[in-house]
Amino acid sequence: MKLLECRLEIDDLDAFVAELGNLGDRHGVTIQAFDARYVAGRRHLERAVEFADRAIDRGENVARDRAVEILLYAAGRRQIDCALAMGVDEGETQAVVLVDGDSEENEAAALEAVETLDAFVDHEPTLETQDVETLCAFFDVPDAEREATDAPLSALVCERVALLEVEK
């Protein structure tokens, strides 16, 4: 799995999503773009990929598309409409683009191709800082839970990803 931390300027969301799908098909990888405010770190996305792949292998996936299944797990939700809030939207967005496939060469080539899209503005560190308020609200992490543990917020978000597997 490779991640591209960047700033995107998306004029037409449907066209952008279609471009990512075409790039994924061309390079034999899965590509999913996330609004960086909803990503609690690299491990968060790694766990989402692990659980999505396990669901697909078991025939328990909700989505037909692997990228959407990864989005569902990353969001900790089984409802596609609710999970879409974690994706990118039209306008300027700090983003994390996930590329995952069987070959590091294919992943690298796909990342390079993403950087050639009109929507790509620039590389920008997006995982270094967390939007704590947004993450707590989106993943329903109350202050009392955060005060009851010394675990970082990223671990609590990863727990939500894992709980999705249990709650099915």
N, C-alpha and C. Protein backbone atom coordinates (compact mmCIF):
# COMPACT_ATOMS: atom_id res chain seq x y z
N MET A 1 0.83 -1.18 0.00
CA MET A 1 0.00 0.00 0.00
C MET A 1 0.88 1.24 0.00
N LYS A 2 0.54 2.17 -0.87
CA LYS A 2 1.24 3.45 -0.91
C LYS A 2 0.21 4.56 -0.71
N LEU A 3 0.67 5.64 -0.07
CA LEU A 3 -0.20 6.79 0.17
C LEU A 3 0.40 8.03 -0.46
N LEU A 4 -0.46 8.85 -1.01
CA LEU A 4 -0.07 10.14 -1.56
C LEU A 4 -0.78 11.20 -0.74
N GLU A 5 0.00 11.96 0.02
CA GLU A 5 -0.55 13.07 0.78
C GLU A 5 -0.48 14.30 -0.11
N CYS A 6 -1.62 14.95 -0.30
CA CYS A 6 -1.64 16.01 -1.31
C CYS A 6 -2.81 16.97 -1.10
N ARG A 7 -2.81 17.95 -1.94
CA ARG A 7 -3.93 18.89 -2.06
C ARG A 7 -4.54 18.67 -3.43
N LEU A 8 -5.85 18.52 -3.44
CA LEU A 8 -6.59 18.33 -4.69
C LEU A 8 -7.53 19.49 -4.91
N GLU A 9 -7.77 19.81 -6.16
CA GLU A 9 -8.78 20.80 -6.56
C GLU A 9 -9.67 20.10 -7.58
N ILE A 10 -10.83 19.66 -7.11
CA ILE A 10 -11.71 18.83 -7.92
C ILE A 10 -12.86 19.67 -8.46
N ASP A 11 -12.97 19.73 -9.78
CA ASP A 11 -14.06 20.47 -10.42
C ASP A 11 -15.30 19.60 -10.59
N ASP A 12 -15.10 18.34 -10.96
CA ASP A 12 -16.20 17.42 -11.24
C ASP A 12 -15.89 16.11 -10.52
N LEU A 13 -16.59 15.87 -9.42
CA LEU A 13 -16.29 14.69 -8.59
C LEU A 13 -16.49 13.39 -9.35
N ASP A 14 -17.57 13.28 -10.09
CA ASP A 14 -17.83 12.05 -10.83
C ASP A 14 -16.72 11.76 -11.84
N ALA A 15 -16.26 12.80 -12.53
CA ALA A 15 -15.18 12.63 -13.50
C ALA A 15 -13.88 12.24 -12.80
N PHE A 16 -13.62 12.83 -11.64
CA PHE A 16 -12.41 12.51 -10.88
C PHE A 16 -12.43 11.05 -10.42
N VAL A 17 -13.55 10.62 -9.88
CA VAL A 17 -13.67 9.23 -9.42
C VAL A 17 -13.50 8.27 -10.60
N ALA A 18 -14.07 8.62 -11.75
CA ALA A 18 -13.92 7.78 -12.94
C ALA A 18 -12.46 7.72 -13.37
N GLU A 19 -11.75 8.86 -13.30
CA GLU A 19 -10.33 8.88 -13.64
C GLU A 19 -9.53 7.97 -12.71
N LEU A 20 -9.83 8.02 -11.42
CA LEU A 20 -9.13 7.13 -10.47
C LEU A 20 -9.41 5.67 -10.80
N GLY A 21 -10.65 5.36 -11.12
CA GLY A 21 -11.00 3.99 -11.50
C GLY A 21 -10.27 3.54 -12.74
N ASN A 22 -10.19 4.42 -13.74
CA ASN A 22 -9.47 4.08 -14.98
C ASN A 22 -7.98 3.87 -14.71
N LEU A 23 -7.39 4.75 -13.89
CA LEU A 23 -5.97 4.57 -13.54
C LEU A 23 -5.76 3.27 -12.80
N GLY A 24 -6.66 2.96 -11.89
CA GLY A 24 -6.56 1.71 -11.15
C GLY A 24 -6.61 0.50 -12.07
N ASP A 25 -7.55 0.52 -13.00
CA ASP A 25 -7.66 -0.57 -13.96
C ASP A 25 -6.41 -0.69 -14.83
N ARG A 26 -5.91 0.45 -15.28
CA ARG A 26 -4.73 0.46 -16.15
C ARG A 26 -3.48 -0.09 -15.45
N HIS A 27 -3.37 0.16 -14.16
CA HIS A 27 -2.18 -0.25 -13.42
C HIS A 27 -2.40 -1.48 -12.54
N GLY A 28 -3.59 -2.03 -12.56
CA GLY A 28 -3.88 -3.23 -11.78
C GLY A 28 -3.85 -2.99 -10.28
N VAL A 29 -4.35 -1.84 -9.86
CA VAL A 29 -4.36 -1.48 -8.44
C VAL A 29 -5.73 -0.93 -8.06
N THR A 30 -5.94 -0.79 -6.77
CA THR A 30 -7.13 -0.11 -6.25
C THR A 30 -6.71 1.27 -5.79
N ILE A 31 -7.49 2.28 -6.16
CA ILE A 31 -7.20 3.65 -5.76
C ILE A 31 -8.43 4.21 -5.06
N GLN A 32 -8.21 4.80 -3.89
CA GLN A 32 -9.28 5.46 -3.15
C GLN A 32 -8.74 6.76 -2.59
N ALA A 33 -9.50 7.84 -2.73
CA ALA A 33 -9.10 9.15 -2.22
C ALA A 33 -9.94 9.49 -0.99
N PHE A 34 -9.27 9.99 0.04
CA PHE A 34 -9.91 10.34 1.30
C PHE A 34 -9.69 11.81 1.62
N ASP A 35 -10.68 12.44 2.22
CA ASP A 35 -10.51 13.75 2.82
C ASP A 35 -9.61 13.53 4.04
N ALA A 36 -8.47 14.18 4.08
CA ALA A 36 -7.47 13.93 5.11
C ALA A 36 -7.97 14.21 6.52
N ARG A 37 -8.98 15.05 6.67
CA ARG A 37 -9.50 15.34 8.01
C ARG A 37 -10.06 14.10 8.70
N TYR A 38 -10.44 13.10 7.92
CA TYR A 38 -11.07 11.90 8.46
C TYR A 38 -10.10 10.72 8.58
N VAL A 39 -8.83 10.94 8.30
CA VAL A 39 -7.85 9.86 8.36
C VAL A 39 -6.99 10.04 9.60
N ALA A 40 -6.97 9.00 10.43
CA ALA A 40 -6.27 9.05 11.71
C ALA A 40 -4.84 8.51 11.62
N GLY A 41 -4.31 8.43 10.42
CA GLY A 41 -2.94 7.97 10.24
C GLY A 41 -2.84 6.79 9.29
N ARG A 42 -1.62 6.46 8.96
CA ARG A 42 -1.37 5.36 8.03
C ARG A 42 -1.97 4.04 8.52
N ARG A 43 -1.81 3.74 9.79
CA ARG A 43 -2.33 2.47 10.33
C ARG A 43 -3.84 2.36 10.15
N HIS A 44 -4.53 3.46 10.26
CA HIS A 44 -5.97 3.49 10.05
C HIS A 44 -6.32 2.92 8.67
N LEU A 45 -5.62 3.39 7.65
CA LEU A 45 -5.90 2.93 6.29
C LEU A 45 -5.39 1.51 6.06
N GLU A 46 -4.27 1.16 6.67
CA GLU A 46 -3.78 -0.22 6.55
C GLU A 46 -4.81 -1.21 7.10
N ARG A 47 -5.38 -0.88 8.25
CA ARG A 47 -6.39 -1.77 8.84
C ARG A 47 -7.63 -1.86 7.95
N ALA A 48 -8.03 -0.73 7.38
CA ALA A 48 -9.20 -0.74 6.50
C ALA A 48 -8.97 -1.66 5.30
N VAL A 49 -7.77 -1.62 4.72
CA VAL A 49 -7.45 -2.50 3.59
C VAL A 49 -7.47 -3.95 4.05
N GLU A 50 -6.88 -4.25 5.20
CA GLU A 50 -6.84 -5.62 5.72
C GLU A 50 -8.25 -6.18 5.90
N PHE A 51 -9.12 -5.39 6.56
CA PHE A 51 -10.47 -5.88 6.82
C PHE A 51 -11.30 -5.97 5.55
N ALA A 52 -11.13 -5.03 4.64
CA ALA A 52 -11.87 -5.08 3.37
C ALA A 52 -11.47 -6.32 2.58
N ASP A 53 -10.17 -6.59 2.52
CA ASP A 53 -9.71 -7.78 1.79
C ASP A 53 -10.23 -9.06 2.43
N ARG A 54 -10.25 -9.09 3.75
CA ARG A 54 -10.76 -10.28 4.43
C ARG A 54 -12.25 -10.47 4.14
N ALA A 55 -13.01 -9.38 4.15
CA ALA A 55 -14.44 -9.49 3.84
C ALA A 55 -14.66 -9.98 2.40
N ILE A 56 -13.87 -9.46 1.48
CA ILE A 56 -13.98 -9.89 0.07
C ILE A 56 -13.62 -11.36 -0.06
N ASP A 57 -12.54 -11.78 0.58
CA ASP A 57 -12.12 -13.18 0.52
C ASP A 57 -13.18 -14.12 1.08
N ARG A 58 -13.91 -13.67 2.08
CA ARG A 58 -14.94 -14.50 2.71
C ARG A 58 -16.30 -14.37 2.02
N GLY A 59 -16.38 -13.48 1.03
CA GLY A 59 -17.66 -13.25 0.37
C GLY A 59 -18.63 -12.47 1.23
N GLU A 60 -18.12 -11.72 2.20
CA GLU A 60 -18.96 -10.95 3.13
C GLU A 60 -18.95 -9.46 2.83
N ASN A 61 -18.39 -9.07 1.69
CA ASN A 61 -18.30 -7.66 1.36
C ASN A 61 -19.68 -7.08 1.07
N VAL A 62 -19.83 -5.80 1.37
CA VAL A 62 -21.05 -5.07 1.10
C VAL A 62 -20.99 -4.47 -0.30
N ALA A 63 -19.85 -3.91 -0.64
CA ALA A 63 -19.68 -3.23 -1.93
C ALA A 63 -19.13 -4.19 -2.97
N ARG A 64 -19.49 -3.96 -4.21
CA ARG A 64 -18.94 -4.76 -5.30
C ARG A 64 -17.53 -4.31 -5.66
N ASP A 65 -17.23 -3.04 -5.40
CA ASP A 65 -15.95 -2.44 -5.76
C ASP A 65 -15.02 -2.45 -4.54
N ARG A 66 -13.79 -2.93 -4.72
CA ARG A 66 -12.84 -3.01 -3.61
C ARG A 66 -12.55 -1.63 -3.01
N ALA A 67 -12.45 -0.61 -3.84
CA ALA A 67 -12.18 0.74 -3.33
C ALA A 67 -13.29 1.20 -2.40
N VAL A 68 -14.52 0.89 -2.74
CA VAL A 68 -15.65 1.28 -1.89
C VAL A 68 -15.65 0.45 -0.60
N GLU A 69 -15.31 -0.82 -0.69
CA GLU A 69 -15.23 -1.66 0.51
C GLU A 69 -14.16 -1.11 1.46
N ILE A 70 -13.04 -0.68 0.92
CA ILE A 70 -11.99 -0.07 1.75
C ILE A 70 -12.53 1.20 2.41
N LEU A 71 -13.26 2.00 1.65
CA LEU A 71 -13.86 3.22 2.20
C LEU A 71 -14.81 2.89 3.35
N LEU A 72 -15.62 1.86 3.19
CA LEU A 72 -16.55 1.46 4.25
C LEU A 72 -15.81 1.13 5.54
N TYR A 73 -14.76 0.34 5.42
CA TYR A 73 -14.00 -0.02 6.62
C TYR A 73 -13.27 1.18 7.20
N ALA A 74 -12.70 2.01 6.36
CA ALA A 74 -12.01 3.20 6.86
C ALA A 74 -12.97 4.10 7.62
N ALA A 75 -14.20 4.19 7.14
CA ALA A 75 -15.21 5.02 7.78
C ALA A 75 -15.85 4.34 8.99
N GLY A 76 -15.66 3.03 9.12
CA GLY A 76 -16.27 2.31 10.23
C GLY A 76 -17.78 2.22 10.09
N ARG A 77 -18.25 2.17 8.84
CA ARG A 77 -19.69 2.14 8.59
C ARG A 77 -20.02 1.13 7.49
N ARG A 78 -21.20 0.55 7.57
CA ARG A 78 -21.65 -0.40 6.55
C ARG A 78 -22.54 0.29 5.51
N GLN A 79 -22.93 1.51 5.76
CA GLN A 79 -23.79 2.25 4.84
C GLN A 79 -22.91 3.08 3.90
N ILE A 80 -22.98 2.80 2.62
CA ILE A 80 -22.13 3.49 1.65
C ILE A 80 -22.36 4.99 1.69
N ASP A 81 -23.63 5.41 1.75
CA ASP A 81 -23.93 6.85 1.78
C ASP A 81 -23.25 7.55 2.96
N CYS A 82 -23.22 6.90 4.11
CA CYS A 82 -22.58 7.50 5.29
C CYS A 82 -21.06 7.51 5.14
N ALA A 83 -20.51 6.47 4.56
CA ALA A 83 -19.06 6.37 4.40
C ALA A 83 -18.53 7.39 3.40
N LEU A 84 -19.36 7.77 2.43
CA LEU A 84 -18.91 8.71 1.41
C LEU A 84 -18.49 10.06 1.98
N ALA A 85 -18.95 10.39 3.17
CA ALA A 85 -18.54 11.64 3.81
C ALA A 85 -17.03 11.69 4.02
N MET A 86 -16.41 10.54 4.10
CA MET A 86 -14.97 10.46 4.32
C MET A 86 -14.19 10.65 3.02
N GLY A 87 -14.86 10.57 1.91
CA GLY A 87 -14.20 10.74 0.62
C GLY A 87 -13.98 12.21 0.29
N VAL A 88 -13.33 12.43 -0.81
CA VAL A 88 -13.08 13.80 -1.26
C VAL A 88 -14.35 14.37 -1.88
N ASP A 89 -14.36 15.68 -2.06
CA ASP A 89 -15.51 16.35 -2.66
C ASP A 89 -15.02 17.41 -3.63
N GLU A 90 -15.94 18.02 -4.32
CA GLU A 90 -15.56 19.08 -5.25
C GLU A 90 -14.99 20.26 -4.47
N GLY A 91 -14.08 20.98 -5.11
CA GLY A 91 -13.41 22.09 -4.47
C GLY A 91 -12.02 21.67 -4.02
N GLU A 92 -11.40 22.52 -3.21
CA GLU A 92 -10.05 22.22 -2.74
C GLU A 92 -10.12 21.37 -1.48
N THR A 93 -9.32 20.32 -1.44
CA THR A 93 -9.33 19.36 -0.35
C THR A 93 -7.92 18.90 -0.03
N GLN A 94 -7.59 18.88 1.25
CA GLN A 94 -6.38 18.18 1.66
C GLN A 94 -6.76 16.71 1.65
N ALA A 95 -5.96 15.90 0.97
CA ALA A 95 -6.37 14.52 0.72
C ALA A 95 -5.26 13.53 1.00
N VAL A 96 -5.68 12.29 1.14
CA VAL A 96 -4.78 11.15 1.17
C VAL A 96 -5.32 10.19 0.11
N VAL A 97 -4.48 9.89 -0.88
CA VAL A 97 -4.87 8.96 -1.93
C VAL A 97 -4.17 7.64 -1.65
N LEU A 98 -4.96 6.60 -1.48
CA LEU A 98 -4.46 5.26 -1.20
C LEU A 98 -4.37 4.49 -2.51
N VAL A 99 -3.24 3.83 -2.72
CA VAL A 99 -3.05 2.96 -3.88
C VAL A 99 -2.59 1.62 -3.36
N ASP A 100 -3.31 0.56 -3.70
CA ASP A 100 -2.94 -0.76 -3.20
C ASP A 100 -3.09 -1.79 -4.31
N GLY A 101 -2.04 -2.60 -4.47
CA GLY A 101 -2.05 -3.66 -5.47
C GLY A 101 -1.05 -4.72 -5.11
N ASP A 102 -0.86 -5.65 -6.01
CA ASP A 102 0.04 -6.77 -5.76
C ASP A 102 1.50 -6.44 -6.03
N SER A 103 1.75 -5.33 -6.70
CA SER A 103 3.11 -4.99 -7.12
C SER A 103 3.45 -3.56 -6.72
N GLU A 104 4.61 -3.40 -6.08
CA GLU A 104 5.06 -2.06 -5.72
C GLU A 104 5.31 -1.22 -6.96
N GLU A 105 5.76 -1.84 -8.03
CA GLU A 105 5.97 -1.13 -9.29
C GLU A 105 4.66 -0.55 -9.82
N ASN A 106 3.61 -1.36 -9.79
CA ASN A 106 2.31 -0.90 -10.26
C ASN A 106 1.76 0.20 -9.36
N GLU A 107 1.96 0.04 -8.04
CA GLU A 107 1.50 1.08 -7.11
C GLU A 107 2.22 2.40 -7.39
N ALA A 108 3.53 2.34 -7.57
CA ALA A 108 4.32 3.55 -7.83
C ALA A 108 3.90 4.20 -9.14
N ALA A 109 3.69 3.39 -10.17
CA ALA A 109 3.26 3.93 -11.46
C ALA A 109 1.89 4.58 -11.35
N ALA A 110 1.00 3.97 -10.59
CA ALA A 110 -0.34 4.55 -10.41
C ALA A 110 -0.26 5.87 -9.65
N LEU A 111 0.59 5.93 -8.63
CA LEU A 111 0.75 7.19 -7.89
C LEU A 111 1.28 8.30 -8.80
N GLU A 112 2.24 7.96 -9.62
CA GLU A 112 2.76 8.95 -10.57
C GLU A 112 1.65 9.43 -11.51
N ALA A 113 0.81 8.51 -11.92
CA ALA A 113 -0.29 8.86 -12.82
C ALA A 113 -1.30 9.77 -12.12
N VAL A 114 -1.57 9.52 -10.84
CA VAL A 114 -2.48 10.38 -10.08
C VAL A 114 -1.94 11.81 -10.06
N GLU A 115 -0.62 11.93 -9.94
CA GLU A 115 0.00 13.27 -9.89
C GLU A 115 -0.12 14.02 -11.21
N THR A 116 -0.45 13.34 -12.28
CA THR A 116 -0.61 14.02 -13.58
C THR A 116 -2.05 14.48 -13.82
N LEU A 117 -2.97 14.09 -12.95
CA LEU A 117 -4.37 14.48 -13.12
C LEU A 117 -4.53 15.99 -12.90
N ASP A 118 -5.48 16.58 -13.59
CA ASP A 118 -5.75 18.00 -13.44
C ASP A 118 -6.10 18.36 -11.99
N ALA A 119 -6.73 17.45 -11.27
CA ALA A 119 -7.16 17.73 -9.90
C ALA A 119 -5.98 17.79 -8.91
N PHE A 120 -4.86 17.19 -9.27
CA PHE A 120 -3.70 17.19 -8.36
C PHE A 120 -3.08 18.58 -8.37
N VAL A 121 -2.95 19.18 -7.18
CA VAL A 121 -2.37 20.52 -7.06
C VAL A 121 -0.93 20.43 -6.61
N ASP A 122 -0.69 19.70 -5.51
CA ASP A 122 0.67 19.66 -4.97
C ASP A 122 0.75 18.60 -3.88
N HIS A 123 1.98 18.18 -3.61
CA HIS A 123 2.24 17.33 -2.44
C HIS A 123 2.04 18.19 -1.20
N GLU A 124 1.43 17.62 -0.20
CA GLU A 124 1.22 18.36 1.03
C GLU A 124 1.09 17.37 2.18
N PRO A 125 1.88 17.53 3.23
CA PRO A 125 1.75 16.60 4.36
C PRO A 125 0.36 16.74 4.99
N THR A 126 -0.36 15.66 5.02
CA THR A 126 -1.72 15.70 5.56
C THR A 126 -1.91 14.76 6.74
N LEU A 127 -0.99 13.84 6.95
CA LEU A 127 -1.14 12.88 8.05
C LEU A 127 -0.37 13.29 9.30
N GLU A 128 0.42 14.35 9.20
CA GLU A 128 1.24 14.77 10.34
C GLU A 128 0.40 15.31 11.49
N THR A 129 -0.68 15.99 11.17
CA THR A 129 -1.55 16.54 12.20
C THR A 129 -2.94 15.97 12.02
N GLN A 130 -3.64 15.83 13.13
CA GLN A 130 -4.99 15.29 13.07
C GLN A 130 -5.99 16.38 13.44
N ASP A 131 -7.12 16.36 12.77
CA ASP A 131 -8.24 17.23 13.11
C ASP A 131 -9.04 16.49 14.19
N VAL A 132 -8.64 16.68 15.43
CA VAL A 132 -9.18 15.91 16.55
C VAL A 132 -10.69 16.06 16.64
N GLU A 133 -11.18 17.27 16.52
CA GLU A 133 -12.62 17.51 16.65
C GLU A 133 -13.40 16.76 15.57
N THR A 134 -12.92 16.82 14.34
CA THR A 134 -13.60 16.13 13.23
C THR A 134 -13.54 14.62 13.42
N LEU A 135 -12.36 14.09 13.78
CA LEU A 135 -12.24 12.64 13.98
C LEU A 135 -13.14 12.16 15.11
N CYS A 136 -13.16 12.88 16.23
CA CYS A 136 -14.00 12.47 17.36
C CYS A 136 -15.48 12.50 16.98
N ALA A 137 -15.89 13.52 16.24
CA ALA A 137 -17.30 13.61 15.84
C ALA A 137 -17.66 12.51 14.84
N PHE A 138 -16.83 12.33 13.83
CA PHE A 138 -17.14 11.36 12.78
C PHE A 138 -17.14 9.92 13.30
N PHE A 139 -16.17 9.60 14.16
CA PHE A 139 -16.04 8.23 14.66
C PHE A 139 -16.71 8.04 16.02
N ASP A 140 -17.44 9.04 16.46
CA ASP A 140 -18.19 8.98 17.71
C ASP A 140 -17.30 8.56 18.88
N VAL A 141 -16.24 9.33 19.08
CA VAL A 141 -15.33 9.10 20.20
C VAL A 141 -15.57 10.22 21.22
N PRO A 142 -16.32 9.93 22.28
CA PRO A 142 -16.63 10.98 23.25
C PRO A 142 -15.42 11.33 24.12
N ASP A 143 -15.47 12.51 24.71
CA ASP A 143 -14.38 12.96 25.59
C ASP A 143 -14.15 11.96 26.72
N ALA A 144 -15.23 11.40 27.26
CA ALA A 144 -15.10 10.46 28.38
C ALA A 144 -14.26 9.25 27.98
N GLU A 145 -14.42 8.78 26.76
CA GLU A 145 -13.63 7.64 26.31
C GLU A 145 -12.16 8.02 26.18
N ARG A 146 -11.90 9.20 25.65
CA ARG A 146 -10.52 9.65 25.50
C ARG A 146 -9.86 9.86 26.85
N GLU A 147 -10.63 10.33 27.83
CA GLU A 147 -10.10 10.57 29.17
C GLU A 147 -9.86 9.26 29.93
N ALA A 148 -10.56 8.21 29.55
CA ALA A 148 -10.47 6.93 30.26
C ALA A 148 -9.29 6.08 29.81
N THR A 149 -8.57 6.52 28.80
CA THR A 149 -7.46 5.72 28.27
C THR A 149 -6.29 6.62 27.93
N ASP A 150 -5.12 5.99 27.89
CA ASP A 150 -3.95 6.74 27.43
C ASP A 150 -3.64 6.41 25.96
N ALA A 151 -4.55 5.65 25.34
CA ALA A 151 -4.37 5.31 23.92
C ALA A 151 -4.55 6.56 23.06
N PRO A 152 -3.75 6.68 22.01
CA PRO A 152 -3.92 7.84 21.12
C PRO A 152 -5.23 7.74 20.35
N LEU A 153 -5.69 8.87 19.86
CA LEU A 153 -6.92 8.92 19.08
C LEU A 153 -6.86 7.97 17.89
N SER A 154 -5.71 7.86 17.26
CA SER A 154 -5.57 6.97 16.11
C SER A 154 -5.90 5.53 16.48
N ALA A 155 -5.52 5.10 17.68
CA ALA A 155 -5.83 3.74 18.13
C ALA A 155 -7.33 3.57 18.35
N LEU A 156 -7.98 4.60 18.86
CA LEU A 156 -9.42 4.52 19.07
C LEU A 156 -10.17 4.45 17.73
N VAL A 157 -9.67 5.18 16.73
CA VAL A 157 -10.28 5.11 15.41
C VAL A 157 -10.06 3.72 14.81
N CYS A 158 -8.86 3.18 14.94
CA CYS A 158 -8.60 1.82 14.44
C CYS A 158 -9.50 0.80 15.12
N GLU A 159 -9.81 1.05 16.38
CA GLU A 159 -10.74 0.17 17.10
C GLU A 159 -12.12 0.21 16.44
N ARG A 160 -12.55 1.40 15.98
CA ARG A 160 -13.84 1.52 15.29
C ARG A 160 -13.84 0.72 14.00
N VAL A 161 -12.70 0.74 13.31
CA VAL A 161 -12.56 -0.03 12.06
C VAL A 161 -12.71 -1.52 12.37
N ALA A 162 -12.05 -1.97 13.43
CA ALA A 162 -12.12 -3.38 13.82
C ALA A 162 -13.52 -3.75 14.30
N LEU A 163 -14.17 -2.85 15.01
CA LEU A 163 -15.52 -3.15 15.52
C LEU A 163 -16.52 -3.35 14.39
N LEU A 164 -16.30 -2.72 13.27
CA LEU A 164 -17.18 -2.91 12.13
C LEU A 164 -17.23 -4.38 11.74
N GLU A 165 -16.10 -5.04 11.82
CA GLU A 165 -16.00 -6.46 11.50
C GLU A 165 -16.85 -7.28 12.49
N VAL A 166 -16.81 -6.91 13.75
CA VAL A 166 -17.54 -7.63 14.82
C VAL A 166 -19.04 -7.39 14.71
N GLU A 167 -19.41 -6.16 14.34
CA GLU A 167 -20.82 -5.79 14.35
C GLU A 167 -21.61 -6.28 13.15
N LYS A 168 -20.95 -6.91 12.18
CA LYS A 168 -21.66 -7.36 10.98
C LYS A 168 -22.70 -8.38 11.31
